[in-house]
Amino acid sequence: MSNNLTIRERCFIWGKRTYIMGILNVTPDSFSDGGKFNTTSAALNQAKTMVAAGADIIDIGGQSTRPGAEQISLEVELERVLSVLELLRPIIDVPISVDTTRSQVAKAAIAAGADIVNDISGGTFDAEMLTTVASLNVPIVLMHIRGNPQTMQKLTDYENLISDIYNFLSQQITNAIAAGIDEHKIIIDPGIGFAKNHQQNLEIFRRLRSLKNLNSPILVGASRKSFIGNILNQPDPKSRVWGTAAACCAAIFNGADILRVHDVQEMQEVTLVADAIFRN
């Protein structure tokens, strides 16, 4: 695996430490913080708070991807993402990713100052996504999913979970490179909670290191998710911070490079201690 990626004069040296991607949902219906940051001022304040707490990347999403989420129109997604991005870009200097499965949103967001495309479909929902990202010459996060947010929780029957994830990501890496994306600008995500049940999510953590053979940095997004709620018997996602901390620590131990989280300050402390133990 290439040992670095430079974005906006920031060097990401894979394997040296864990990087934090702070979640900024500008949606009314996300599972954890829906509606909390879907006004421009609230979103800007949250982004500034996350940067001050140590976020290395801010991930802006205008389309909820929680189980059962309805697909919004292209126009609504563009308006949500761009209204925040255009105000945020001039006031923060960390890289910004756009969480979208639509090539038109990716293109508009990069033009407005975003730096990375984070696609939960791994480039499969929009036939133009990979070629668009190639033309934009930006990094892409390819995530594993089956179905879509409305159907994925019914699609958890795997012959071999880890092999299926590995093979999907391997194929999408191949497709991305064939489309013209630089192999060193590809990040992979096993898709915790996306078409995976409780036990399958736990298995991904235990066997995460097997994805290292794909030679791409690994992003893990476990923050506040329902498998943590199941373990803790905690229905309120905002009360799953300690459980998220344990999951993040396990992810780092098993080879994660980036953690996508809601609670940046707390997870920054987790990564500092975990990195000191596991990486040095």
Protein backbone atom coordinates (compact mmCIF):
# COMPACT_ATOMS: atom_id res chain seq x y z
CA MET A 1 0.00 0.00 0.00
CA SER A 2 1.22 3.49 -0.83
CA ASN A 3 2.25 5.11 2.44
CA ASN A 4 0.77 8.54 1.88
CA LEU A 5 -1.89 10.68 0.27
CA THR A 6 -1.71 14.48 0.21
CA ILE A 7 -4.98 16.41 0.28
CA ARG A 8 -5.06 20.18 0.68
CA GLU A 9 -1.42 20.21 1.82
CA ARG A 10 -2.18 17.62 4.53
CA CYS A 11 -0.27 14.38 4.30
CA PHE A 12 -2.08 11.19 5.28
CA ILE A 13 0.62 8.63 6.07
CA TRP A 14 -1.18 5.28 6.23
CA GLY A 15 -0.11 3.09 9.12
CA LYS A 16 1.50 5.91 11.07
CA ARG A 17 -1.65 6.95 12.94
CA THR A 18 -5.42 6.75 12.79
CA TYR A 19 -7.27 9.59 11.08
CA ILE A 20 -10.67 10.94 12.16
CA MET A 21 -13.48 11.72 9.72
CA GLY A 22 -16.13 13.84 11.45
CA ILE A 23 -19.73 13.26 10.34
CA LEU A 24 -21.79 16.30 9.33
CA ASN A 25 -25.30 15.15 8.41
CA VAL A 26 -27.21 18.07 6.87
CA THR A 27 -30.37 15.98 6.79
CA PRO A 28 -33.61 15.96 8.78
CA ASP A 29 -33.74 12.17 9.10
CA SER A 30 -30.34 10.62 9.84
CA PHE A 31 -30.51 7.84 12.43
CA SER A 32 -28.37 9.52 15.07
CA ASP A 33 -28.50 13.28 14.69
CA GLY A 34 -31.23 13.85 12.11
CA GLY A 35 -32.37 17.45 12.08
CA LYS A 36 -29.73 18.61 14.54
CA PHE A 37 -27.45 20.19 11.94
CA ASN A 38 -29.77 20.76 8.98
CA THR A 39 -29.69 24.52 9.35
CA THR A 40 -26.67 26.23 7.87
CA SER A 41 -25.57 27.96 11.07
CA ALA A 42 -25.84 24.75 13.14
CA ALA A 43 -23.88 22.81 10.51
CA LEU A 44 -21.11 25.41 10.38
CA ASN A 45 -20.81 25.50 14.17
CA GLN A 46 -20.66 21.71 14.36
CA ALA A 47 -17.99 21.56 11.66
CA LYS A 48 -15.86 24.15 13.45
CA THR A 49 -16.29 22.24 16.72
CA MET A 50 -15.16 18.98 15.08
CA VAL A 51 -12.11 20.61 13.49
CA ALA A 52 -11.13 22.15 16.83
CA ALA A 53 -11.49 18.70 18.43
CA GLY A 54 -9.06 17.19 15.95
CA ALA A 55 -11.05 15.98 12.93
CA ASP A 56 -8.78 15.31 9.95
CA ILE A 57 -11.67 15.25 7.45
CA ILE A 58 -15.24 16.62 7.57
CA ASP A 59 -17.78 14.41 5.77
CA ILE A 60 -20.88 16.27 4.55
CA GLY A 61 -23.97 14.26 3.61
CA GLY A 62 -27.32 15.51 2.35
CA GLN A 63 -29.00 12.12 1.81
CA SER A 64 -29.72 9.93 4.83
CA THR A 65 -28.49 6.35 4.42
CA ARG A 66 -30.07 4.91 7.55
CA PRO A 67 -32.06 1.68 7.07
CA GLY A 68 -35.34 2.49 5.32
CA ALA A 69 -34.32 6.00 4.30
CA GLU A 70 -36.26 7.44 1.36
CA GLN A 71 -34.30 8.64 -1.66
CA ILE A 72 -34.49 12.42 -2.02
CA SER A 73 -34.40 14.33 -5.31
CA LEU A 74 -31.14 15.42 -6.88
CA GLU A 75 -32.17 19.06 -6.44
CA VAL A 76 -32.76 18.68 -2.70
CA GLU A 77 -29.47 16.85 -2.16
CA LEU A 78 -27.54 19.50 -4.11
CA GLU A 79 -29.19 22.32 -2.17
CA ARG A 80 -28.47 20.72 1.21
CA VAL A 81 -24.83 19.92 0.46
CA LEU A 82 -23.86 23.08 -1.42
CA SER A 83 -25.54 25.52 0.96
CA VAL A 84 -23.26 24.27 3.75
CA LEU A 85 -20.17 23.54 1.68
CA GLU A 86 -19.97 26.98 0.08
CA LEU A 87 -19.98 28.65 3.49
CA LEU A 88 -17.80 26.05 5.22
CA ARG A 89 -14.95 25.83 2.71
CA PRO A 90 -13.61 29.37 3.25
CA ILE A 91 -13.48 28.99 7.06
CA ILE A 92 -11.88 25.55 7.56
CA ASP A 93 -8.67 24.21 6.05
CA VAL A 94 -9.10 20.48 6.63
CA PRO A 95 -10.14 18.23 3.74
CA ILE A 96 -13.89 17.89 3.16
CA SER A 97 -15.55 14.79 1.76
CA VAL A 98 -19.00 14.62 0.22
CA ASP A 99 -21.10 11.60 1.18
CA THR A 100 -23.08 10.90 -1.99
CA THR A 101 -23.88 8.18 -4.52
CA ARG A 102 -24.66 10.67 -7.31
CA SER A 103 -21.99 11.77 -9.77
CA GLN A 104 -23.69 15.15 -10.29
CA VAL A 105 -23.55 15.88 -6.57
CA ALA A 106 -19.92 14.75 -6.45
CA LYS A 107 -19.01 17.03 -9.36
CA ALA A 108 -20.82 20.07 -7.90
CA ALA A 109 -19.36 19.48 -4.43
CA ILE A 110 -15.79 19.20 -5.69
CA ALA A 111 -16.33 22.41 -7.70
CA ALA A 112 -17.52 24.09 -4.48
CA GLY A 113 -14.38 23.04 -2.61
CA ALA A 114 -14.83 19.44 -1.43
CA ASP A 115 -11.80 17.17 -1.76
CA ILE A 116 -13.00 13.55 -1.49
CA VAL A 117 -16.02 11.55 -2.68
CA ASN A 118 -17.44 9.09 -0.13
CA ASP A 119 -19.78 6.69 -1.97
CA ILE A 120 -21.71 4.15 0.14
CA SER A 121 -22.51 2.20 -3.03
CA GLY A 122 -18.87 1.70 -3.93
CA GLY A 123 -19.53 3.37 -7.26
CA THR A 124 -22.42 1.05 -8.22
CA PHE A 125 -25.56 3.23 -7.91
CA ASP A 126 -24.52 5.77 -10.58
CA ALA A 127 -22.87 4.45 -13.76
CA GLU A 128 -21.08 7.81 -14.17
CA MET A 129 -19.56 7.98 -10.69
CA LEU A 130 -16.20 6.33 -11.28
CA THR A 131 -15.46 8.15 -14.54
CA THR A 132 -16.58 11.42 -12.92
CA VAL A 133 -14.24 10.94 -9.96
CA ALA A 134 -11.44 10.04 -12.36
CA SER A 135 -11.97 13.27 -14.29
CA LEU A 136 -12.02 15.25 -11.04
CA ASN A 137 -8.77 13.55 -9.94
CA VAL A 138 -9.86 13.24 -6.30
CA PRO A 139 -9.82 10.35 -3.81
CA ILE A 140 -12.86 8.10 -3.47
CA VAL A 141 -14.13 5.94 -0.61
CA LEU A 142 -15.63 2.70 -1.95
CA MET A 143 -17.99 1.02 0.52
CA HIS A 144 -19.52 -2.44 0.45
CA ILE A 145 -23.31 -2.62 0.34
CA ARG A 146 -26.05 -4.91 -0.94
CA GLY A 147 -29.28 -3.44 -2.23
CA ASN A 148 -29.96 0.10 -1.04
CA PRO A 149 -30.93 1.70 2.30
CA GLN A 150 -34.56 0.67 1.76
CA THR A 151 -33.79 -3.00 1.05
CA MET A 152 -30.38 -3.72 2.59
CA GLN A 153 -31.57 -5.11 5.93
CA LYS A 154 -33.32 -7.95 4.07
CA LEU A 155 -30.10 -8.85 2.20
CA THR A 156 -27.93 -10.25 4.98
CA ASP A 157 -27.71 -13.87 3.77
CA TYR A 158 -24.08 -14.48 2.74
CA GLU A 159 -22.32 -17.66 1.75
CA ASN A 160 -19.09 -16.19 3.14
CA LEU A 161 -19.38 -12.66 4.51
CA ILE A 162 -15.74 -11.61 4.48
CA SER A 163 -15.04 -13.20 1.09
CA ASP A 164 -18.09 -11.46 -0.37
CA ILE A 165 -16.98 -8.09 1.00
CA TYR A 166 -13.41 -8.68 -0.17
CA ASN A 167 -14.49 -9.72 -3.67
CA PHE A 168 -16.90 -6.79 -4.06
CA LEU A 169 -14.27 -4.26 -2.98
CA SER A 170 -11.61 -5.91 -5.13
CA GLN A 171 -13.89 -5.69 -8.17
CA GLN A 172 -14.74 -2.04 -7.49
CA ILE A 173 -11.07 -1.17 -7.03
CA THR A 174 -10.42 -2.79 -10.42
CA ASN A 175 -13.35 -0.89 -11.96
CA ALA A 176 -12.18 2.40 -10.43
CA ILE A 177 -8.65 1.99 -11.78
CA ALA A 178 -10.04 1.02 -15.20
CA ALA A 179 -12.13 4.21 -15.12
CA GLY A 180 -8.95 6.22 -14.58
CA ILE A 181 -8.85 6.69 -10.80
CA ASP A 182 -5.33 6.66 -9.34
CA GLU A 183 -4.98 3.47 -7.25
CA HIS A 184 -3.39 5.52 -4.46
CA LYS A 185 -6.56 7.60 -4.20
CA ILE A 186 -8.84 4.66 -3.38
CA ILE A 187 -10.02 4.07 0.20
CA ILE A 188 -12.18 1.07 1.13
CA ASP A 189 -14.95 0.65 3.70
CA PRO A 190 -16.49 -2.74 4.68
CA GLY A 191 -19.85 -1.06 5.32
CA ILE A 192 -20.66 -1.75 8.97
CA GLY A 193 -24.47 -2.01 9.28
CA PHE A 194 -25.12 -1.92 5.54
CA ALA A 195 -26.75 -5.26 4.69
CA LYS A 196 -25.11 -6.84 7.73
CA ASN A 197 -26.78 -8.18 10.86
CA HIS A 198 -25.53 -7.95 14.43
CA GLN A 199 -23.18 -10.97 14.31
CA GLN A 200 -21.90 -10.06 10.86
CA ASN A 201 -20.87 -6.61 12.04
CA LEU A 202 -18.87 -8.19 14.85
CA GLU A 203 -17.23 -10.61 12.43
CA ILE A 204 -16.09 -7.70 10.25
CA PHE A 205 -14.21 -6.24 13.23
CA ARG A 206 -12.58 -9.57 14.05
CA ARG A 207 -11.45 -10.17 10.47
CA LEU A 208 -10.89 -6.60 9.29
CA ARG A 209 -7.19 -7.20 8.77
CA SER A 210 -7.93 -9.61 5.91
CA LEU A 211 -8.94 -6.57 3.82
CA LYS A 212 -5.35 -5.29 4.08
CA ASN A 213 -4.50 -7.54 1.13
CA LEU A 214 -6.44 -5.13 -1.09
CA ASN A 215 -3.64 -2.59 -0.51
CA SER A 216 -5.98 0.33 0.13
CA PRO A 217 -6.44 2.31 3.35
CA ILE A 218 -9.45 1.10 5.34
CA LEU A 219 -12.21 3.36 6.66
CA VAL A 220 -14.53 2.04 9.38
CA GLY A 221 -17.83 3.73 10.25
CA ALA A 222 -19.24 2.18 13.41
CA SER A 223 -20.20 5.33 15.26
CA ARG A 224 -23.39 4.99 17.36
CA LYS A 225 -24.69 2.16 15.17
CA SER A 226 -27.42 -0.28 16.13
CA PHE A 227 -25.13 -3.25 16.80
CA ILE A 228 -23.61 -1.18 19.62
CA GLY A 229 -27.11 -0.35 20.86
CA ASN A 230 -27.96 -4.06 20.85
CA ILE A 231 -24.93 -4.94 22.97
CA LEU A 232 -25.55 -2.10 25.42
CA ASN A 233 -29.36 -2.35 25.39
CA GLN A 234 -29.23 1.36 24.55
CA PRO A 235 -31.94 2.58 22.15
CA ASP A 236 -30.65 6.18 22.07
CA PRO A 237 -27.83 6.50 19.50
CA LYS A 238 -26.42 9.59 21.26
CA SER A 239 -25.86 7.47 24.39
CA ARG A 240 -23.59 4.97 22.61
CA VAL A 241 -20.36 6.96 22.95
CA TRP A 242 -18.54 4.45 25.18
CA GLY A 243 -19.64 1.55 22.99
CA THR A 244 -18.44 3.45 19.94
CA ALA A 245 -15.11 4.00 21.69
CA ALA A 246 -14.70 0.24 22.19
CA ALA A 247 -15.56 -0.44 18.55
CA CYS A 248 -13.09 2.22 17.38
CA CYS A 249 -10.35 0.73 19.52
CA ALA A 250 -11.04 -2.71 18.04
CA ALA A 251 -10.97 -1.24 14.53
CA ILE A 252 -7.57 0.36 15.14
CA PHE A 253 -6.16 -2.86 16.58
CA ASN A 254 -7.33 -4.72 13.48
CA GLY A 255 -5.90 -2.30 10.94
CA ALA A 256 -8.33 0.60 10.34
CA ASP A 257 -6.75 3.78 8.96
CA ILE A 258 -9.72 6.17 9.19
CA LEU A 259 -12.63 6.24 11.65
CA ARG A 260 -15.86 7.96 10.61
CA VAL A 261 -17.41 9.28 13.83
CA HIS A 262 -19.97 11.66 15.34
CA ASP A 263 -18.16 12.27 18.65
CA VAL A 264 -14.85 13.66 17.45
CA GLN A 265 -13.32 14.83 20.72
CA GLU A 266 -13.97 11.54 22.51
CA MET A 267 -12.79 9.38 19.59
CA GLN A 268 -9.71 11.54 19.11
CA GLU A 269 -8.69 10.57 22.66
CA VAL A 270 -9.41 6.92 21.89
CA THR A 271 -7.20 7.03 18.80
CA LEU A 272 -4.34 8.78 20.59
CA VAL A 273 -4.19 6.04 23.23
CA ALA A 274 -4.88 3.14 20.84
CA ASP A 275 -2.24 4.40 18.39
CA ALA A 276 0.31 4.72 21.20
CA ILE A 277 -0.35 1.08 22.16
CA PHE A 278 -0.80 -0.58 18.75
CA ARG A 279 1.25 1.48 16.29
CA ASN A 280 4.45 2.27 18.20
